[in-house]
Amino acid sequence: MNPTRIFVMEGTLQKISGSHDQERHIFLFNDCFMYCKKKSGDQYTCKGVIYLHQITVEEVDEVSWKLKRSDKNLVYTFYGKTAKDKQIWTNAIKDLQEKYNSTRVKPPEKKNVQSMVMELNLILFFGKIN
């Protein structure tokens, strides 16, 4: 498990799969959305993990929403029992995405990388530049 992963919330939602619905227990962490099938007691089988930085949340109707993956052509549709369930889950996911985007280290711009490579080549060719 990722040492920076923080548990946020859990609950039961319905996942639409083809022509039928599947009850899934959801574990939301600061970086991912894990959906599981309940086995017995407190035991679950993980059916999938969706990383929050790879999805967009799209509202469908009063109680359902879609998670669209940007890295693959996949769409997951979930719904709760009430509009409040939907609001709680979608707001939590969007808040976590916003925190992730505001705190992650962004890669340097392409021109900066190129200038760094040029500088490194100069250093290797001429020695240390002062």
C-alpha atoms as a PDB file:
ATOM      1  CA  MET A   1       0.000   0.000   0.000  1.00  0.00           C
ATOM      2  CA  ASN A   2       1.132   3.517  -0.769  1.00  0.00           C
ATOM      3  CA  PRO A   3       2.503   5.103   2.452  1.00  0.00           C
ATOM      4  CA  THR A   4       0.999   8.470   1.479  1.00  0.00           C
ATOM      5  CA  ARG A   5      -2.465   6.974   0.937  1.00  0.00           C
ATOM      6  CA  ILE A   6      -5.040   8.311   3.405  1.00  0.00           C
ATOM      7  CA  PHE A   7      -8.462   6.781   3.991  1.00  0.00           C
ATOM      8  CA  VAL A   8     -11.253   9.342   3.477  1.00  0.00           C
ATOM      9  CA  MET A   9     -14.617   7.544   3.549  1.00  0.00           C
ATOM     10  CA  GLU A  10     -16.492   4.372   2.674  1.00  0.00           C
ATOM     11  CA  GLY A  11     -20.011   3.334   1.808  1.00  0.00           C
ATOM     12  CA  THR A  12     -22.208   1.180  -0.377  1.00  0.00           C
ATOM     13  CA  LEU A  13     -23.197   2.293  -3.876  1.00  0.00           C
ATOM     14  CA  GLN A  14     -24.634   0.659  -6.961  1.00  0.00           C
ATOM     15  CA  LYS A  15     -22.416   0.234 -10.022  1.00  0.00           C
ATOM     16  CA  ILE A  16     -24.168  -0.057 -13.356  1.00  0.00           C
ATOM     17  CA  SER A  17     -22.624  -2.855 -15.366  1.00  0.00           C
ATOM     18  CA  GLY A  18     -24.177  -3.619 -18.723  1.00  0.00           C
ATOM     19  CA  SER A  19     -27.857  -4.310 -18.231  1.00  0.00           C
ATOM     20  CA  HIS A  20     -27.710  -4.922 -14.484  1.00  0.00           C
ATOM     21  CA  ASP A  21     -26.665  -3.187 -11.289  1.00  0.00           C
ATOM     22  CA  GLN A  22     -24.036  -4.447  -8.889  1.00  0.00           C
ATOM     23  CA  GLU A  23     -23.857  -3.534  -5.215  1.00  0.00           C
ATOM     24  CA  ARG A  24     -20.317  -2.367  -4.464  1.00  0.00           C
ATOM     25  CA  HIS A  25     -18.682  -1.253  -1.270  1.00  0.00           C
ATOM     26  CA  ILE A  26     -16.563   1.802  -1.971  1.00  0.00           C
ATOM     27  CA  PHE A  27     -13.396   2.857  -0.184  1.00  0.00           C
ATOM     28  CA  LEU A  28     -12.324   6.391  -1.038  1.00  0.00           C
ATOM     29  CA  PHE A  29      -8.728   7.360  -0.385  1.00  0.00           C
ATOM     30  CA  ASN A  30      -6.949  10.641  -1.055  1.00  0.00           C
ATOM     31  CA  ASP A  31      -5.640   9.265  -4.356  1.00  0.00           C
ATOM     32  CA  CYS A  32      -8.020   6.508  -5.460  1.00  0.00           C
ATOM     33  CA  PHE A  33     -11.550   5.123  -5.499  1.00  0.00           C
ATOM     34  CA  MET A  34     -11.642   1.375  -4.759  1.00  0.00           C
ATOM     35  CA  TYR A  35     -14.807  -0.604  -5.474  1.00  0.00           C
ATOM     36  CA  CYS A  36     -15.284  -4.002  -3.873  1.00  0.00           C
ATOM     37  CA  LYS A  37     -17.737  -6.851  -3.633  1.00  0.00           C
ATOM     38  CA  LYS A  38     -18.684  -7.845  -0.107  1.00  0.00           C
ATOM     39  CA  LYS A  39     -17.869 -11.498   0.669  1.00  0.00           C
ATOM     40  CA  SER A  40     -18.877 -11.983   4.295  1.00  0.00           C
ATOM     41  CA  GLY A  41     -18.530 -10.042   7.511  1.00  0.00           C
ATOM     42  CA  ASP A  42     -15.802  -7.456   7.007  1.00  0.00           C
ATOM     43  CA  GLN A  43     -14.203  -9.197   4.025  1.00  0.00           C
ATOM     44  CA  TYR A  44     -14.249  -7.787   0.515  1.00  0.00           C
ATOM     45  CA  THR A  45     -12.981  -8.712  -2.919  1.00  0.00           C
ATOM     46  CA  CYS A  46     -11.496  -5.739  -4.737  1.00  0.00           C
ATOM     47  CA  LYS A  47     -13.103  -5.446  -8.169  1.00  0.00           C
ATOM     48  CA  GLY A  48     -11.226  -2.345  -9.275  1.00  0.00           C
ATOM     49  CA  VAL A  49      -9.220   0.735  -8.387  1.00  0.00           C
ATOM     50  CA  ILE A  50      -9.662   4.061 -10.129  1.00  0.00           C
ATOM     51  CA  TYR A  51      -6.985   6.700  -9.548  1.00  0.00           C
ATOM     52  CA  LEU A  52      -8.481  10.131  -9.000  1.00  0.00           C
ATOM     53  CA  HIS A  53      -5.965  11.964 -11.192  1.00  0.00           C
ATOM     54  CA  GLN A  54      -7.101   9.841 -14.156  1.00  0.00           C
ATOM     55  CA  ILE A  55     -10.824  10.612 -14.027  1.00  0.00           C
ATOM     56  CA  THR A  56     -13.391  13.302 -14.541  1.00  0.00           C
ATOM     57  CA  VAL A  57     -16.724  13.286 -12.757  1.00  0.00           C
ATOM     58  CA  GLU A  58     -19.799  13.729 -14.928  1.00  0.00           C
ATOM     59  CA  GLU A  59     -23.247  14.069 -13.407  1.00  0.00           C
ATOM     60  CA  VAL A  60     -25.939  11.929 -15.036  1.00  0.00           C
ATOM     61  CA  ASP A  61     -29.160  12.535 -13.125  1.00  0.00           C
ATOM     62  CA  GLU A  62     -30.402  13.212  -9.612  1.00  0.00           C
ATOM     63  CA  VAL A  63     -28.704  10.194  -8.012  1.00  0.00           C
ATOM     64  CA  SER A  64     -26.090   8.906 -10.491  1.00  0.00           C
ATOM     65  CA  TRP A  65     -22.771  10.011 -11.908  1.00  0.00           C
ATOM     66  CA  LYS A  66     -20.029   8.755 -14.224  1.00  0.00           C
ATOM     67  CA  LEU A  67     -16.318   8.464 -13.626  1.00  0.00           C
ATOM     68  CA  LYS A  68     -14.548   8.811 -16.982  1.00  0.00           C
ATOM     69  CA  ARG A  69     -10.957   7.633 -17.194  1.00  0.00           C
ATOM     70  CA  SER A  70      -8.592   9.771 -19.215  1.00  0.00           C
ATOM     71  CA  ASP A  71      -5.925   7.075 -19.600  1.00  0.00           C
ATOM     72  CA  LYS A  72      -8.322   4.493 -21.081  1.00  0.00           C
ATOM     73  CA  ASN A  73     -11.625   4.664 -22.872  1.00  0.00           C
ATOM     74  CA  LEU A  74     -13.571   3.511 -19.796  1.00  0.00           C
ATOM     75  CA  VAL A  75     -16.631   4.932 -18.072  1.00  0.00           C
ATOM     76  CA  TYR A  76     -17.955   3.780 -14.709  1.00  0.00           C
ATOM     77  CA  THR A  77     -21.485   4.705 -13.622  1.00  0.00           C
ATOM     78  CA  PHE A  78     -22.431   4.711  -9.938  1.00  0.00           C
ATOM     79  CA  TYR A  79     -25.484   5.769  -8.003  1.00  0.00           C
ATOM     80  CA  GLY A  80     -26.553   6.103  -4.413  1.00  0.00           C
ATOM     81  CA  LYS A  81     -29.942   5.905  -2.771  1.00  0.00           C
ATOM     82  CA  THR A  82     -30.491   9.667  -2.665  1.00  0.00           C
ATOM     83  CA  ALA A  83     -29.374  12.898  -4.280  1.00  0.00           C
ATOM     84  CA  LYS A  84     -27.526  13.641  -1.031  1.00  0.00           C
ATOM     85  CA  ASP A  85     -25.492  10.426  -1.455  1.00  0.00           C
ATOM     86  CA  LYS A  86     -24.483  11.566  -4.923  1.00  0.00           C
ATOM     87  CA  GLN A  87     -23.586  15.034  -3.659  1.00  0.00           C
ATOM     88  CA  ILE A  88     -21.444  13.644  -0.825  1.00  0.00           C
ATOM     89  CA  TRP A  89     -19.495  11.284  -3.092  1.00  0.00           C
ATOM     90  CA  THR A  90     -19.016  13.607  -6.063  1.00  0.00           C
ATOM     91  CA  ASN A  91     -18.029  16.539  -3.835  1.00  0.00           C
ATOM     92  CA  ALA A  92     -15.531  14.376  -1.948  1.00  0.00           C
ATOM     93  CA  ILE A  93     -13.948  13.153  -5.200  1.00  0.00           C
ATOM     94  CA  LYS A  94     -13.785  16.649  -6.695  1.00  0.00           C
ATOM     95  CA  ASP A  95     -12.303  18.101  -3.480  1.00  0.00           C
ATOM     96  CA  LEU A  96      -9.616  15.405  -3.424  1.00  0.00           C
ATOM     97  CA  GLN A  97      -8.807  16.024  -7.085  1.00  0.00           C
ATOM     98  CA  GLU A  98      -8.479  19.740  -6.419  1.00  0.00           C
ATOM     99  CA  LYS A  99      -6.125  19.102  -3.475  1.00  0.00           C
ATOM    100  CA  TYR A 100      -4.078  16.699  -5.590  1.00  0.00           C
ATOM    101  CA  ASN A 101      -3.757  19.181  -8.447  1.00  0.00           C
ATOM    102  CA  SER A 102      -2.782  22.040  -6.138  1.00  0.00           C
ATOM    103  CA  THR A 103      -0.110  20.086  -4.221  1.00  0.00           C
ATOM    104  CA  ARG A 104       1.523  17.862  -6.809  1.00  0.00           C
ATOM    105  CA  VAL A 105       4.899  18.792  -8.211  1.00  0.00           C
ATOM    106  CA  LYS A 106       4.368  19.772 -11.794  1.00  0.00           C
ATOM    107  CA  PRO A 107       6.946  18.622 -14.335  1.00  0.00           C
ATOM    108  CA  PRO A 108       9.169  21.324 -15.785  1.00  0.00           C
ATOM    109  CA  GLU A 109       8.153  22.884 -19.067  1.00  0.00           C
ATOM    110  CA  LYS A 110       9.677  21.389 -22.188  1.00  0.00           C
ATOM    111  CA  LYS A 111      11.876  24.422 -22.900  1.00  0.00           C
ATOM    112  CA  ASN A 112      13.253  24.277 -19.348  1.00  0.00           C
ATOM    113  CA  VAL A 113      14.174  20.629 -19.778  1.00  0.00           C
ATOM    114  CA  GLN A 114      15.882  21.428 -23.074  1.00  0.00           C
ATOM    115  CA  SER A 115      17.831  24.299 -21.520  1.00  0.00           C
ATOM    116  CA  MET A 116      18.830  22.018 -18.629  1.00  0.00           C
ATOM    117  CA  VAL A 117      20.120  19.432 -21.104  1.00  0.00           C
ATOM    118  CA  MET A 118      22.060  22.136 -22.968  1.00  0.00           C
ATOM    119  CA  GLU A 119      23.568  23.367 -19.701  1.00  0.00           C
ATOM    120  CA  LEU A 120      24.500  19.822 -18.699  1.00  0.00           C
ATOM    121  CA  ASN A 121      26.165  19.290 -22.087  1.00  0.00           C
ATOM    122  CA  LEU A 122      28.137  22.530 -21.644  1.00  0.00           C
ATOM    123  CA  ILE A 123      29.222  21.460 -18.176  1.00  0.00           C
ATOM    124  CA  LEU A 124      30.316  18.068 -19.453  1.00  0.00           C
ATOM    125  CA  PHE A 125      32.209  19.662 -22.376  1.00  0.00           C
ATOM    126  CA  PHE A 126      33.799  22.691 -20.645  1.00  0.00           C
ATOM    127  CA  GLY A 127      33.662  21.778 -16.980  1.00  0.00           C
ATOM    128  CA  LYS A 128      31.731  23.644 -14.288  1.00  0.00           C
ATOM    129  CA  ILE A 129      30.175  26.971 -15.398  1.00  0.00           C
ATOM    130  CA  ASN A 130      30.370  29.839 -12.877  1.00  0.00           C
END
